[in-house]
Amino acid sequence: MGNGRGDGARTTPLRVDAQRNLEHVLRAAREVFGELGYGAPMEDVARRARVGVGTVYRRFPSKDVLVRRIAEEETSRLTDQARAALGQEDEPWSALSRFLRTSVASGAGRLLPPQVLRVGVAEDDGDGPDEARVPQQRTQPGGGELRLVAEQSAAVDDAGAAALLDVVGQLVERARAAGELRPDVSVSDVLLVIATAAPSLPDAAQQAAASARLLDILLEGLRSRPA
């Protein structure tokens, strides 16, 4: 009986420690992947989390599983930010610029899933559905389609990526229809802005200032100009 109570008492701190270790690993993974990209080794994540690499692998049996977890969380966060901007800003340009500023400030651009960044204008090359998944039939200038390139080991599920592309597409279309966005700007351009305007610098204040300055310049480039 006494031993049973002792064993039970010891299990609760272990569960707390396991949860704490998971939080450390996820935070470290976001930092490491944000600084070095998704090619960074698991050992770097373990060192940043101050745990053994075995602890990381106990929670995430392969690096692909950890990458997918981080990519899905970041994609979901970006989607929520885009929906908030779409629902809370009446002016199309204000909605788009708010989304960009919020996303860049959060550093999400450094963690965008690779296959989302590969979205772009692509002519139909006849490769068929196995070569590309089409989350939406959104015609772009030049006659192409917005397509999500399929990877053998996708970093994030198609549903999550498609949801992000759809809501960002709505922000883009509203701003374009209002004449406030250059007509040649696509969803992929907007995502590229998020990735480009989020540099990884060692000093946090310098990083924030550089991101804000770069985003101001990029936003000016996105806006339409009177003929």
Protein backbone atom coordinates (compact mmCIF):
# COMPACT_ATOMS: atom_id res chain seq x y z
CA MET A 1 0.00 0.00 0.00
CA GLY A 2 2.68 2.44 1.08
CA ASN A 3 4.76 1.60 -1.96
CA GLY A 4 1.74 2.09 -4.19
CA ARG A 5 1.18 5.58 -2.82
CA GLY A 6 4.84 6.41 -3.26
CA ASP A 7 4.84 5.21 -6.88
CA GLY A 8 1.72 7.21 -7.60
CA ALA A 9 3.19 10.32 -6.03
CA ARG A 10 6.27 10.03 -8.20
CA THR A 11 4.32 9.80 -11.47
CA THR A 12 2.87 13.31 -11.33
CA PRO A 13 6.23 15.16 -11.34
CA LEU A 14 7.34 12.93 -14.22
CA ARG A 15 4.32 14.00 -16.25
CA VAL A 16 5.03 17.64 -15.45
CA ASP A 17 8.66 17.20 -16.46
CA ALA A 18 7.64 15.53 -19.71
CA GLN A 19 5.30 18.41 -20.57
CA ARG A 20 7.99 20.95 -19.71
CA ASN A 21 10.51 19.11 -21.88
CA LEU A 22 8.03 19.08 -24.78
CA GLU A 23 7.55 22.85 -24.47
CA HIS A 24 11.32 23.37 -24.38
CA VAL A 25 11.80 21.20 -27.47
CA LEU A 26 9.07 22.99 -29.45
CA ARG A 27 10.40 26.42 -28.49
CA ALA A 28 13.94 25.37 -29.36
CA ALA A 29 12.80 23.89 -32.68
CA ARG A 30 11.09 27.13 -33.66
CA GLU A 31 14.23 29.10 -32.82
CA VAL A 32 16.69 26.73 -34.49
CA PHE A 33 14.61 26.16 -37.63
CA GLY A 34 13.89 29.88 -37.79
CA GLU A 35 17.59 30.72 -37.68
CA LEU A 36 19.04 27.84 -39.72
CA GLY A 37 16.11 26.52 -41.75
CA TYR A 38 14.41 23.14 -41.61
CA GLY A 39 17.69 21.47 -42.60
CA ALA A 40 19.12 22.06 -39.11
CA PRO A 41 19.95 18.78 -37.30
CA MET A 42 18.00 17.45 -34.34
CA GLU A 43 21.16 17.73 -32.22
CA ASP A 44 20.98 21.52 -32.54
CA VAL A 45 17.38 21.45 -31.33
CA ALA A 46 18.35 19.27 -28.36
CA ARG A 47 21.23 21.59 -27.40
CA ARG A 48 19.00 24.65 -27.58
CA ALA A 49 16.35 22.89 -25.48
CA ARG A 50 19.04 21.73 -23.02
CA VAL A 51 17.90 18.14 -23.20
CA GLY A 52 19.48 15.00 -24.60
CA VAL A 53 18.81 14.20 -28.24
CA GLY A 54 17.17 10.99 -27.02
CA THR A 55 14.53 13.09 -25.27
CA VAL A 56 13.74 14.83 -28.55
CA TYR A 57 13.42 11.52 -30.39
CA ARG A 58 11.16 10.09 -27.68
CA ARG A 59 8.64 12.84 -28.40
CA PHE A 60 9.31 13.02 -32.14
CA PRO A 61 10.45 9.68 -33.62
CA SER A 62 11.90 11.38 -36.71
CA LYS A 63 12.92 14.84 -37.77
CA ASP A 64 10.10 14.87 -40.33
CA VAL A 65 7.57 14.53 -37.52
CA LEU A 66 9.04 17.53 -35.66
CA VAL A 67 9.26 19.62 -38.83
CA ARG A 68 5.63 18.80 -39.63
CA ARG A 69 4.53 19.83 -36.13
CA ILE A 70 6.31 23.20 -36.33
CA ALA A 71 5.21 23.87 -39.92
CA GLU A 72 1.58 23.03 -39.17
CA GLU A 73 1.55 25.29 -36.11
CA GLU A 74 3.04 28.19 -38.07
CA THR A 75 0.69 27.68 -41.01
CA SER A 76 -2.28 27.64 -38.63
CA ARG A 77 -1.04 30.81 -36.93
CA LEU A 78 -0.63 32.59 -40.27
CA THR A 79 -4.10 31.49 -41.34
CA ASP A 80 -5.59 32.87 -38.12
CA GLN A 81 -3.75 36.16 -38.62
CA ALA A 82 -5.03 36.43 -42.19
CA ARG A 83 -8.61 35.68 -41.12
CA ALA A 84 -8.42 38.28 -38.35
CA ALA A 85 -7.22 40.92 -40.80
CA LEU A 86 -9.90 39.94 -43.31
CA GLY A 87 -12.68 40.07 -40.73
CA GLN A 88 -11.64 43.12 -38.73
CA GLU A 89 -10.39 45.56 -41.38
CA ASP A 90 -12.94 47.21 -43.69
CA GLU A 91 -10.36 48.74 -46.03
CA PRO A 92 -8.78 46.15 -48.37
CA TRP A 93 -5.29 47.67 -48.24
CA SER A 94 -5.44 48.01 -44.46
CA ALA A 95 -6.40 44.33 -44.19
CA LEU A 96 -3.54 43.17 -46.39
CA SER A 97 -0.93 45.40 -44.79
CA ARG A 98 -2.11 44.44 -41.29
CA PHE A 99 -1.70 40.77 -42.15
CA LEU A 100 1.79 41.37 -43.51
CA ARG A 101 2.90 43.45 -40.54
CA THR A 102 1.52 40.98 -38.00
CA SER A 103 3.05 38.00 -39.78
CA VAL A 104 6.46 39.59 -40.21
CA ALA A 105 6.55 40.82 -36.61
CA SER A 106 5.84 37.28 -35.39
CA GLY A 107 8.78 35.92 -37.39
CA ALA A 108 6.50 33.45 -39.15
CA GLY A 109 8.22 33.98 -42.47
CA ARG A 110 11.28 32.09 -41.28
CA LEU A 111 9.11 29.04 -40.63
CA LEU A 112 6.86 28.99 -43.68
CA PRO A 113 6.59 25.42 -45.00
CA PRO A 114 8.73 24.93 -48.11
CA GLN A 115 5.85 23.77 -50.31
CA VAL A 116 3.82 26.88 -49.47
CA LEU A 117 6.72 29.07 -50.57
CA ARG A 118 6.85 27.14 -53.83
CA VAL A 119 3.34 28.24 -54.72
CA GLY A 120 3.42 30.31 -57.85
CA VAL A 121 2.32 30.85 -61.39
CA ALA A 122 2.65 27.63 -63.34
CA GLU A 123 1.46 26.68 -66.77
CA ASP A 124 -0.20 23.32 -67.16
CA ASP A 125 2.69 21.04 -68.06
CA GLY A 126 0.55 17.96 -68.50
CA ASP A 127 2.10 16.10 -65.61
CA GLY A 128 -1.28 15.40 -64.09
CA PRO A 129 -2.58 15.46 -60.51
CA ASP A 130 0.30 13.38 -59.14
CA GLU A 131 2.73 16.21 -59.83
CA ALA A 132 0.76 19.10 -58.36
CA ARG A 133 -2.17 19.63 -56.06
CA VAL A 134 -4.40 22.58 -56.89
CA PRO A 135 -5.98 24.05 -53.74
CA GLN A 136 -7.89 26.67 -55.73
CA GLN A 137 -8.44 27.62 -59.35
CA ARG A 138 -7.33 31.22 -59.06
CA THR A 139 -6.23 32.66 -62.41
CA GLN A 140 -3.15 34.83 -62.26
CA PRO A 141 -1.88 37.42 -64.77
CA GLY A 142 -0.11 35.54 -67.50
CA GLY A 143 -2.68 32.76 -67.74
CA GLY A 144 -1.26 30.46 -65.10
CA GLU A 145 -2.80 28.86 -62.05
CA LEU A 146 -1.94 29.10 -58.38
CA ARG A 147 -0.66 25.63 -57.59
CA LEU A 148 0.71 23.87 -54.55
CA VAL A 149 3.69 21.78 -55.53
CA ALA A 150 3.50 18.32 -54.01
CA GLU A 151 6.53 16.99 -52.19
CA GLN A 152 7.19 13.37 -51.32
CA SER A 153 7.44 14.34 -47.67
CA ALA A 154 5.26 17.42 -47.28
CA ALA A 155 6.06 19.62 -44.30
CA VAL A 156 2.40 20.44 -43.72
CA ASP A 157 -0.84 18.79 -44.77
CA ASP A 158 -2.54 20.02 -47.93
CA ALA A 159 -5.68 21.08 -46.06
CA GLY A 160 -3.72 23.46 -43.83
CA ALA A 161 -1.75 24.91 -46.72
CA ALA A 162 -4.87 25.27 -48.86
CA ALA A 163 -6.67 27.12 -46.04
CA LEU A 164 -3.79 29.59 -45.79
CA LEU A 165 -3.66 30.11 -49.55
CA ASP A 166 -7.41 30.62 -49.73
CA VAL A 167 -7.64 33.33 -47.07
CA VAL A 168 -4.51 35.14 -48.31
CA GLY A 169 -6.02 34.91 -51.79
CA GLN A 170 -9.10 36.72 -50.52
CA LEU A 171 -6.94 39.50 -49.05
CA VAL A 172 -5.09 39.83 -52.36
CA GLU A 173 -8.25 39.85 -54.48
CA ARG A 174 -9.94 42.48 -52.32
CA ALA A 175 -6.93 44.80 -52.50
CA ARG A 176 -6.57 44.22 -56.24
CA ALA A 177 -10.28 44.84 -56.89
CA ALA A 178 -10.07 48.10 -54.94
CA GLY A 179 -7.24 49.24 -57.19
CA GLU A 180 -4.82 49.42 -54.26
CA LEU A 181 -2.64 46.46 -55.20
CA ARG A 182 -0.56 46.12 -58.34
CA PRO A 183 -2.49 43.87 -60.75
CA ASP A 184 0.51 41.59 -61.28
CA VAL A 185 0.91 40.77 -57.56
CA SER A 186 -0.04 37.19 -56.72
CA VAL A 187 -0.56 35.23 -53.51
CA SER A 188 2.92 33.78 -53.90
CA ASP A 189 4.35 37.32 -53.98
CA VAL A 190 2.65 38.11 -50.67
CA LEU A 191 4.01 34.96 -49.06
CA LEU A 192 7.45 35.79 -50.41
CA VAL A 193 7.23 39.21 -48.76
CA ILE A 194 6.54 37.50 -45.42
CA ALA A 195 9.56 35.27 -45.86
CA THR A 196 11.85 38.03 -47.13
CA ALA A 197 10.98 40.64 -44.52
CA ALA A 198 11.78 38.35 -41.58
CA PRO A 199 15.59 38.26 -41.40
CA SER A 200 17.27 36.36 -38.61
CA LEU A 201 19.64 38.69 -36.78
CA PRO A 202 21.41 38.05 -33.45
CA ASP A 203 20.13 41.24 -31.83
CA ALA A 204 16.35 41.28 -31.26
CA ALA A 205 16.00 45.06 -31.45
CA GLN A 206 18.06 45.22 -34.63
CA GLN A 207 16.02 42.40 -36.12
CA ALA A 208 12.72 44.15 -35.36
CA ALA A 209 13.95 47.44 -36.80
CA ALA A 210 15.32 45.78 -39.94
CA SER A 211 12.09 43.84 -40.48
CA ALA A 212 9.91 46.93 -40.08
CA ARG A 213 12.10 48.97 -42.44
CA LEU A 214 12.25 46.25 -45.08
CA LEU A 215 8.50 45.66 -44.90
CA ASP A 216 7.80 49.37 -45.42
CA ILE A 217 9.86 49.25 -48.60
CA LEU A 218 8.19 46.05 -49.83
CA LEU A 219 4.70 47.38 -49.11
CA GLU A 220 5.43 50.44 -51.22
CA GLY A 221 6.42 48.10 -54.02
CA LEU A 222 3.14 46.20 -53.76
CA ARG A 223 0.87 49.24 -53.97
CA SER A 224 -0.59 50.34 -57.27
CA ARG A 225 0.31 53.76 -58.59
CA PRO A 226 -1.92 56.18 -60.53
CA ALA A 227 -1.27 56.02 -64.26
